[in-house]
PDB file of all heavy atoms in Angstrom:
ATOM      1  N   CYS A   1      -2.018   5.125  -0.790  1.00  0.00           N
ATOM      2  CA  CYS A   1      -1.599   5.056  -2.232  1.00  0.00           C
ATOM      3  C   CYS A   1      -0.095   5.122  -2.133  1.00  0.00           C
ATOM      4  O   CYS A   1       0.434   6.057  -1.549  1.00  0.00           O
ATOM      5  CB  CYS A   1      -2.251   6.185  -2.974  1.00  0.00           C
ATOM      6  SG  CYS A   1      -1.766   6.114  -4.740  1.00  0.00           S
ATOM      7  N   VAL A   2       0.555   4.229  -2.803  1.00  0.00           N
ATOM      8  CA  VAL A   2       2.069   4.128  -2.950  1.00  0.00           C
ATOM      9  C   VAL A   2       2.442   4.210  -4.377  1.00  0.00           C
ATOM     10  O   VAL A   2       2.001   3.411  -5.122  1.00  0.00           O
ATOM     11  CB  VAL A   2       2.561   2.814  -2.248  1.00  0.00           C
ATOM     12  CG1 VAL A   2       4.034   2.829  -2.280  1.00  0.00           C
ATOM     13  CG2 VAL A   2       2.038   2.765  -0.771  1.00  0.00           C
ATOM     14  N   VAL A   3       3.279   5.102  -4.652  1.00  0.00           N
ATOM     15  CA  VAL A   3       3.694   5.324  -6.109  1.00  0.00           C
ATOM     16  C   VAL A   3       5.169   5.514  -6.139  1.00  0.00           C
ATOM     17  O   VAL A   3       5.903   5.892  -5.240  1.00  0.00           O
ATOM     18  CB  VAL A   3       3.026   6.519  -6.801  1.00  0.00           C
ATOM     19  CG1 VAL A   3       1.528   6.250  -6.769  1.00  0.00           C
ATOM     20  CG2 VAL A   3       3.374   7.709  -6.156  1.00  0.00           C
ATOM     21  N   ALA A   4       5.714   5.299  -7.390  1.00  0.00           N
ATOM     22  CA  ALA A   4       7.162   5.630  -7.775  1.00  0.00           C
ATOM     23  C   ALA A   4       7.059   7.143  -8.110  1.00  0.00           C
ATOM     24  O   ALA A   4       6.025   7.817  -8.274  1.00  0.00           O
ATOM     25  CB  ALA A   4       7.603   4.863  -8.973  1.00  0.00           C
ATOM     26  N   GLY A   5       8.268   7.792  -8.304  1.00  0.00           N
ATOM     27  CA  GLY A   5       8.328   9.192  -8.609  1.00  0.00           C
ATOM     28  C   GLY A   5       7.696   9.516  -9.825  1.00  0.00           C
ATOM     29  O   GLY A   5       7.268  10.788 -10.015  1.00  0.00           O
ATOM     30  N   ASN A   6       7.487   8.639 -10.765  1.00  0.00           N
ATOM     31  CA  ASN A   6       6.822   8.968 -11.946  1.00  0.00           C
ATOM     32  C   ASN A   6       5.269   8.786 -11.941  1.00  0.00           C
ATOM     33  O   ASN A   6       4.626   8.903 -12.877  1.00  0.00           O
ATOM     34  CB  ASN A   6       7.342   8.158 -13.179  1.00  0.00           C
ATOM     35  CG  ASN A   6       7.151   6.690 -13.010  1.00  0.00           C
ATOM     36  OD1 ASN A   6       6.451   6.268 -12.025  1.00  0.00           O
ATOM     37  ND2 ASN A   6       7.528   5.845 -13.998  1.00  0.00           N
ATOM     38  N   GLY A   7       4.817   8.420 -10.704  1.00  0.00           N
ATOM     39  CA  GLY A   7       3.334   8.269 -10.455  1.00  0.00           C
ATOM     40  C   GLY A   7       2.904   6.732 -10.694  1.00  0.00           C
ATOM     41  O   GLY A   7       1.801   6.484 -10.545  1.00  0.00           O
ATOM     42  N   GLU A   8       3.773   5.871 -11.187  1.00  0.00           N
ATOM     43  CA  GLU A   8       3.395   4.430 -11.326  1.00  0.00           C
ATOM     44  C   GLU A   8       3.008   3.881  -9.943  1.00  0.00           C
ATOM     45  O   GLU A   8       3.822   3.972  -9.012  1.00  0.00           O
ATOM     46  CB  GLU A   8       4.590   3.734 -11.868  1.00  0.00           C
ATOM     47  CG  GLU A   8       4.340   2.195 -12.165  1.00  0.00           C
ATOM     48  CD  GLU A   8       5.577   1.483 -12.811  1.00  0.00           C
ATOM     49  OE1 GLU A   8       6.227   2.230 -13.469  1.00  0.00           O
ATOM     50  OE2 GLU A   8       5.563   0.296 -12.547  1.00  0.00           O
ATOM     51  N   VAL A   9       1.901   3.207  -9.947  1.00  0.00           N
ATOM     52  CA  VAL A   9       1.484   2.549  -8.704  1.00  0.00           C
ATOM     53  C   VAL A   9       2.327   1.426  -8.276  1.00  0.00           C
ATOM     54  O   VAL A   9       2.773   0.626  -9.109  1.00  0.00           O
ATOM     55  CB  VAL A   9      -0.038   2.079  -8.828  1.00  0.00           C
ATOM     56  CG1 VAL A   9      -0.414   1.388  -7.566  1.00  0.00           C
ATOM     57  CG2 VAL A   9      -0.925   3.199  -9.088  1.00  0.00           C
ATOM     58  N   LEU A  10       2.772   1.379  -6.940  1.00  0.00           N
ATOM     59  CA  LEU A  10       3.546   0.377  -6.484  1.00  0.00           C
ATOM     60  C   LEU A  10       2.832  -0.420  -5.376  1.00  0.00           C
ATOM     61  O   LEU A  10       2.047   0.218  -4.634  1.00  0.00           O
ATOM     62  CB  LEU A  10       4.830   0.921  -5.858  1.00  0.00           C
ATOM     63  CG  LEU A  10       5.765   1.554  -6.845  1.00  0.00           C
ATOM     64  CD1 LEU A  10       6.933   2.243  -6.060  1.00  0.00           C
ATOM     65  CD2 LEU A  10       6.239   0.655  -7.839  1.00  0.00           C
ATOM     66  N   MET A  11       3.028  -1.675  -5.096  1.00  0.00           N
ATOM     67  CA  MET A  11       2.524  -2.474  -4.079  1.00  0.00           C
ATOM     68  C   MET A  11       3.531  -2.499  -2.886  1.00  0.00           C
ATOM     69  O   MET A  11       4.610  -2.539  -3.085  1.00  0.00           O
ATOM     70  CB  MET A  11       2.197  -3.871  -4.486  1.00  0.00           C
ATOM     71  CG  MET A  11       1.014  -3.895  -5.637  1.00  0.00           C
ATOM     72  SD  MET A  11      -0.446  -3.079  -5.109  1.00  0.00           S
ATOM     73  CE  MET A  11      -1.085  -4.165  -3.739  1.00  0.00           C
ATOM     74  N   PRO A  12       2.987  -2.249  -1.654  1.00  0.00           N
ATOM     75  CA  PRO A  12       3.838  -2.355  -0.474  1.00  0.00           C
ATOM     76  C   PRO A  12       4.469  -3.685  -0.335  1.00  0.00           C
ATOM     77  O   PRO A  12       3.837  -4.754  -0.688  1.00  0.00           O
ATOM     78  CB  PRO A  12       2.945  -2.102   0.702  1.00  0.00           C
ATOM     79  CG  PRO A  12       1.699  -1.383   0.027  1.00  0.00           C
ATOM     80  CD  PRO A  12       1.546  -1.908  -1.284  1.00  0.00           C
ATOM     81  N   CYS A  13       5.611  -3.708   0.069  1.00  0.00           N
ATOM     82  CA  CYS A  13       6.374  -4.967   0.341  1.00  0.00           C
ATOM     83  C   CYS A  13       5.757  -5.732   1.504  1.00  0.00           C
ATOM     84  O   CYS A  13       4.748  -5.118   2.275  1.00  0.00           O
ATOM     85  CB  CYS A  13       7.874  -4.782   0.696  1.00  0.00           C
ATOM     86  SG  CYS A  13       8.279  -3.840   2.205  1.00  0.00           S
ATOM     87  N   GLY A  14       6.056  -6.848   1.941  1.00  0.00           N
ATOM     88  CA  GLY A  14       5.496  -7.628   3.007  1.00  0.00           C
ATOM     89  C   GLY A  14       5.621  -6.874   4.338  1.00  0.00           C
ATOM     90  O   GLY A  14       4.740  -6.921   5.185  1.00  0.00           O
ATOM     91  N   ARG A  15       6.848  -6.406   4.557  1.00  0.00           N
ATOM     92  CA  ARG A  15       7.011  -5.650   5.826  1.00  0.00           C
ATOM     93  C   ARG A  15       6.021  -4.535   5.951  1.00  0.00           C
ATOM     94  O   ARG A  15       5.491  -4.330   7.054  1.00  0.00           O
ATOM     95  CB  ARG A  15       8.552  -5.354   5.894  1.00  0.00           C
ATOM     96  CG  ARG A  15       8.940  -4.402   7.062  1.00  0.00           C
ATOM     97  CD  ARG A  15      10.453  -4.020   6.912  1.00  0.00           C
ATOM     98  NE  ARG A  15      10.584  -3.110   7.968  1.00  0.00           N
ATOM     99  CZ  ARG A  15      11.103  -1.824   7.741  1.00  0.00           C
ATOM    100  NH1 ARG A  15      11.306  -1.297   6.456  1.00  0.00           N
ATOM    101  NH2 ARG A  15      11.429  -1.033   8.579  1.00  0.00           N
ATOM    102  N   CYS A  16       5.929  -3.713   4.945  1.00  0.00           N
ATOM    103  CA  CYS A  16       5.101  -2.615   4.900  1.00  0.00           C
ATOM    104  C   CYS A  16       3.634  -2.928   4.966  1.00  0.00           C
ATOM    105  O   CYS A  16       2.820  -2.196   5.592  1.00  0.00           O
ATOM    106  CB  CYS A  16       5.379  -1.685   3.739  1.00  0.00           C
ATOM    107  SG  CYS A  16       7.036  -0.888   3.896  1.00  0.00           S
ATOM    108  N   ARG A  17       3.257  -4.019   4.305  1.00  0.00           N
ATOM    109  CA  ARG A  17       1.871  -4.502   4.481  1.00  0.00           C
ATOM    110  C   ARG A  17       1.516  -4.764   6.012  1.00  0.00           C
ATOM    111  O   ARG A  17       0.419  -4.414   6.520  1.00  0.00           O
ATOM    112  CB  ARG A  17       1.584  -5.781   3.648  1.00  0.00           C
ATOM    113  CG  ARG A  17       1.649  -5.564   2.242  1.00  0.00           C
ATOM    114  CD  ARG A  17       1.582  -6.798   1.450  1.00  0.00           C
ATOM    115  NE  ARG A  17       1.831  -6.575   0.036  1.00  0.00           N
ATOM    116  CZ  ARG A  17       1.668  -7.395  -0.911  1.00  0.00           C
ATOM    117  NH1 ARG A  17       1.028  -8.592  -0.664  1.00  0.00           N
ATOM    118  NH2 ARG A  17       1.945  -6.998  -2.175  1.00  0.00           N
ATOM    119  N   GLN A  18       2.495  -5.327   6.717  1.00  0.00           N
ATOM    120  CA  GLN A  18       2.397  -5.609   8.160  1.00  0.00           C
ATOM    121  C   GLN A  18       2.183  -4.326   8.881  1.00  0.00           C
ATOM    122  O   GLN A  18       1.440  -4.068   9.773  1.00  0.00           O
ATOM    123  CB  GLN A  18       3.447  -6.454   8.724  1.00  0.00           C
ATOM    124  CG  GLN A  18       3.397  -6.744  10.194  1.00  0.00           C
ATOM    125  CD  GLN A  18       2.171  -7.597  10.552  1.00  0.00           C
ATOM    126  OE1 GLN A  18       1.821  -8.490   9.805  1.00  0.00           O
ATOM    127  NE2 GLN A  18       1.502  -7.336  11.683  1.00  0.00           N
ATOM    128  N   LEU A  19       3.033  -3.369   8.644  1.00  0.00           N
ATOM    129  CA  LEU A  19       3.076  -2.033   9.185  1.00  0.00           C
ATOM    130  C   LEU A  19       1.774  -1.314   9.005  1.00  0.00           C
ATOM    131  O   LEU A  19       1.025  -0.713   9.837  1.00  0.00           O
ATOM    132  CB  LEU A  19       4.277  -1.179   8.625  1.00  0.00           C
ATOM    133  CG  LEU A  19       4.529   0.136   9.307  1.00  0.00           C
ATOM    134  CD1 LEU A  19       5.104   0.012  10.716  1.00  0.00           C
ATOM    135  CD2 LEU A  19       5.621   0.943   8.486  1.00  0.00           C
ATOM    136  N   LEU A  20       1.273  -1.366   7.744  1.00  0.00           N
ATOM    137  CA  LEU A  20      -0.013  -0.729   7.320  1.00  0.00           C
ATOM    138  C   LEU A  20      -1.157  -1.498   8.102  1.00  0.00           C
ATOM    139  O   LEU A  20      -2.104  -0.842   8.452  1.00  0.00           O
ATOM    140  CB  LEU A  20      -0.233  -0.681   5.903  1.00  0.00           C
ATOM    141  CG  LEU A  20       0.671   0.225   5.178  1.00  0.00           C
ATOM    142  CD1 LEU A  20       0.623  -0.052   3.576  1.00  0.00           C
ATOM    143  CD2 LEU A  20       0.479   1.733   5.455  1.00  0.00           C
ATOM    144  N   PHE A  21      -1.059  -2.761   8.217  1.00  0.00           N
ATOM    145  CA  PHE A  21      -2.111  -3.474   8.959  1.00  0.00           C
ATOM    146  C   PHE A  21      -2.286  -2.971  10.280  1.00  0.00           C
ATOM    147  O   PHE A  21      -3.479  -2.796  10.777  1.00  0.00           O
ATOM    148  CB  PHE A  21      -1.834  -4.969   8.878  1.00  0.00           C
ATOM    149  CG  PHE A  21      -2.810  -5.863   9.669  1.00  0.00           C
ATOM    150  CD1 PHE A  21      -3.960  -6.192   9.074  1.00  0.00           C
ATOM    151  CD2 PHE A  21      -2.674  -6.138  10.972  1.00  0.00           C
ATOM    152  CE1 PHE A  21      -4.901  -6.905   9.743  1.00  0.00           C
ATOM    153  CE2 PHE A  21      -3.591  -6.921  11.768  1.00  0.00           C
ATOM    154  CZ  PHE A  21      -4.692  -7.294  11.146  1.00  0.00           C
ATOM    155  N   GLU A  22      -1.284  -2.733  10.996  1.00  0.00           N
ATOM    156  CA  GLU A  22      -1.323  -2.218  12.416  1.00  0.00           C
ATOM    157  C   GLU A  22      -1.841  -0.811  12.425  1.00  0.00           C
ATOM    158  O   GLU A  22      -2.544  -0.438  13.388  1.00  0.00           O
ATOM    159  CB  GLU A  22      -0.047  -2.456  13.154  1.00  0.00           C
ATOM    160  CG  GLU A  22      -0.191  -2.144  14.699  1.00  0.00           C
ATOM    161  CD  GLU A  22       0.700  -2.993  15.446  1.00  0.00           C
ATOM    162  OE1 GLU A  22       1.133  -4.051  15.020  1.00  0.00           O
ATOM    163  OE2 GLU A  22       0.866  -2.650  16.614  1.00  0.00           O
ATOM    164  N   ALA A  23      -1.594   0.040  11.447  1.00  0.00           N
ATOM    165  CA  ALA A  23      -2.049   1.387  11.305  1.00  0.00           C
ATOM    166  C   ALA A  23      -3.482   1.523  10.867  1.00  0.00           C
ATOM    167  O   ALA A  23      -4.066   2.597  11.071  1.00  0.00           O
ATOM    168  CB  ALA A  23      -1.024   2.228  10.448  1.00  0.00           C
ATOM    169  N   GLY A  24      -3.955   0.552  10.165  1.00  0.00           N
ATOM    170  CA  GLY A  24      -5.368   0.715   9.504  1.00  0.00           C
ATOM    171  C   GLY A  24      -6.187  -0.461   9.603  1.00  0.00           C
ATOM    172  O   GLY A  24      -7.435  -0.401   9.411  1.00  0.00           O
ATOM    173  N   GLY A  25      -5.600  -1.598   9.994  1.00  0.00           N
ATOM    174  CA  GLY A  25      -6.482  -2.812  10.084  1.00  0.00           C
ATOM    175  C   GLY A  25      -6.784  -3.538   8.767  1.00  0.00           C
ATOM    176  O   GLY A  25      -6.461  -3.020   7.657  1.00  0.00           O
ATOM    177  N   PRO A  26      -7.523  -4.512   8.856  1.00  0.00           N
ATOM    178  CA  PRO A  26      -7.777  -5.333   7.645  1.00  0.00           C
ATOM    179  C   PRO A  26      -8.718  -4.718   6.676  1.00  0.00           C
ATOM    180  O   PRO A  26      -8.640  -4.916   5.468  1.00  0.00           O
ATOM    181  CB  PRO A  26      -8.542  -6.594   8.240  1.00  0.00           C
ATOM    182  CG  PRO A  26      -9.146  -6.083   9.509  1.00  0.00           C
ATOM    183  CD  PRO A  26      -8.217  -5.104   9.994  1.00  0.00           C
ATOM    184  N   THR A  27      -9.513  -3.556   7.068  1.00  0.00           N
ATOM    185  CA  THR A  27     -10.314  -2.887   6.048  1.00  0.00           C
ATOM    186  C   THR A  27      -9.612  -1.682   5.404  1.00  0.00           C
ATOM    187  O   THR A  27     -10.249  -1.014   4.509  1.00  0.00           O
ATOM    188  CB  THR A  27     -11.646  -2.469   6.771  1.00  0.00           C
ATOM    189  OG1 THR A  27     -11.250  -1.565   7.764  1.00  0.00           O
ATOM    190  CG2 THR A  27     -12.467  -3.628   7.344  1.00  0.00           C
ATOM    191  N   LEU A  28      -8.424  -1.453   5.753  1.00  0.00           N
ATOM    192  CA  LEU A  28      -7.710  -0.472   5.062  1.00  0.00           C
ATOM    193  C   LEU A  28      -7.733  -0.561   3.607  1.00  0.00           C
ATOM    194  O   LEU A  28      -7.452  -1.621   3.048  1.00  0.00           O
ATOM    195  CB  LEU A  28      -6.318  -0.299   5.540  1.00  0.00           C
ATOM    196  CG  LEU A  28      -5.241   0.662   4.867  1.00  0.00           C
ATOM    197  CD1 LEU A  28      -5.642   2.036   5.117  1.00  0.00           C
ATOM    198  CD2 LEU A  28      -3.786   0.346   5.297  1.00  0.00           C
ATOM    199  N   MET A  29      -8.024   0.410   2.900  1.00  0.00           N
ATOM    200  CA  MET A  29      -7.981   0.352   1.440  1.00  0.00           C
ATOM    201  C   MET A  29      -6.781   0.785   0.821  1.00  0.00           C
ATOM    202  O   MET A  29      -6.218   1.840   1.158  1.00  0.00           O
ATOM    203  CB  MET A  29      -9.194   1.216   0.853  1.00  0.00           C
ATOM    204  CG  MET A  29     -10.670   0.870   1.216  1.00  0.00           C
ATOM    205  SD  MET A  29     -11.069  -0.808   0.758  1.00  0.00           S
ATOM    206  CE  MET A  29     -11.179  -0.713  -0.980  1.00  0.00           C
ATOM    207  N   LEU A  30      -6.393  -0.031  -0.151  1.00  0.00           N
ATOM    208  CA  LEU A  30      -4.957   0.180  -0.868  1.00  0.00           C
ATOM    209  C   LEU A  30      -5.267   0.437  -2.363  1.00  0.00           C
ATOM    210  O   LEU A  30      -5.935  -0.410  -2.897  1.00  0.00           O
ATOM    211  CB  LEU A  30      -4.037  -0.895  -0.622  1.00  0.00           C
ATOM    212  CG  LEU A  30      -2.615  -0.804  -1.098  1.00  0.00           C
ATOM    213  CD1 LEU A  30      -1.924   0.378  -0.258  1.00  0.00           C
ATOM    214  CD2 LEU A  30      -1.856  -2.020  -0.920  1.00  0.00           C
ATOM    215  N   TYR A  31      -4.727   1.429  -2.895  1.00  0.00           N
ATOM    216  CA  TYR A  31      -4.905   1.768  -4.281  1.00  0.00           C
ATOM    217  C   TYR A  31      -4.028   0.896  -5.138  1.00  0.00           C
ATOM    218  O   TYR A  31      -2.909   0.536  -4.833  1.00  0.00           O
ATOM    219  CB  TYR A  31      -4.440   3.216  -4.556  1.00  0.00           C
ATOM    220  CG  TYR A  31      -4.716   3.722  -5.912  1.00  0.00           C
ATOM    221  CD1 TYR A  31      -6.002   4.206  -6.261  1.00  0.00           C
ATOM    222  CD2 TYR A  31      -3.780   3.753  -6.898  1.00  0.00           C
ATOM    223  CE1 TYR A  31      -6.286   4.701  -7.488  1.00  0.00           C
ATOM    224  CE2 TYR A  31      -4.103   4.197  -8.183  1.00  0.00           C
ATOM    225  CZ  TYR A  31      -5.386   4.734  -8.430  1.00  0.00           C
ATOM    226  OH  TYR A  31      -5.715   5.184  -9.695  1.00  0.00           O
ATOM    227  N   THR A  32      -4.770   0.383  -6.147  1.00  0.00           N
ATOM    228  CA  THR A  32      -3.928  -0.507  -7.190  1.00  0.00           C
ATOM    229  C   THR A  32      -4.284   0.005  -8.585  1.00  0.00           C
ATOM    230  O   THR A  32      -5.196   0.869  -8.671  1.00  0.00           O
ATOM    231  CB  THR A  32      -4.306  -1.976  -7.086  1.00  0.00           C
ATOM    232  OG1 THR A  32      -5.630  -2.197  -7.579  1.00  0.00           O
ATOM    233  CG2 THR A  32      -4.225  -2.477  -5.618  1.00  0.00           C
ATOM    234  N   ASP A  33      -3.620  -0.517  -9.533  1.00  0.00           N
ATOM    235  CA  ASP A  33      -3.885  -0.014 -10.935  1.00  0.00           C
ATOM    236  C   ASP A  33      -5.412  -0.364 -11.445  1.00  0.00           C
ATOM    237  O   ASP A  33      -6.039   0.264 -12.142  1.00  0.00           O
ATOM    238  CB  ASP A  33      -3.020  -0.600 -11.986  1.00  0.00           C
ATOM    239  CG  ASP A  33      -1.710   0.061 -12.030  1.00  0.00           C
ATOM    240  OD1 ASP A  33      -1.610   1.345 -11.746  1.00  0.00           O
ATOM    241  OD2 ASP A  33      -0.649  -0.484 -12.295  1.00  0.00           O
ATOM    242  N   GLU A  34      -5.857  -1.466 -10.847  1.00  0.00           N
ATOM    243  CA  GLU A  34      -7.117  -2.047 -11.268  1.00  0.00           C
ATOM    244  C   GLU A  34      -8.321  -1.296 -10.504  1.00  0.00           C
ATOM    245  O   GLU A  34      -9.194  -0.708 -11.060  1.00  0.00           O
ATOM    246  CB  GLU A  34      -7.437  -3.538 -11.089  1.00  0.00           C
ATOM    247  CG  GLU A  34      -6.407  -4.327 -11.936  1.00  0.00           C
ATOM    248  CD  GLU A  34      -5.007  -4.382 -11.451  1.00  0.00           C
ATOM    249  OE1 GLU A  34      -4.761  -4.494 -10.157  1.00  0.00           O
ATOM    250  OE2 GLU A  34      -4.110  -4.495 -12.347  1.00  0.00           O
TER     251      GLU A  34
END
């Protein structure tokens, strides 16, 4: 889960998506507003 200081959900940038992919793989779950 990635958020701003006020708790608003943020999506990882492209670079971070790649970083997270290597740390969790394609099945890593990412929190979104929906």
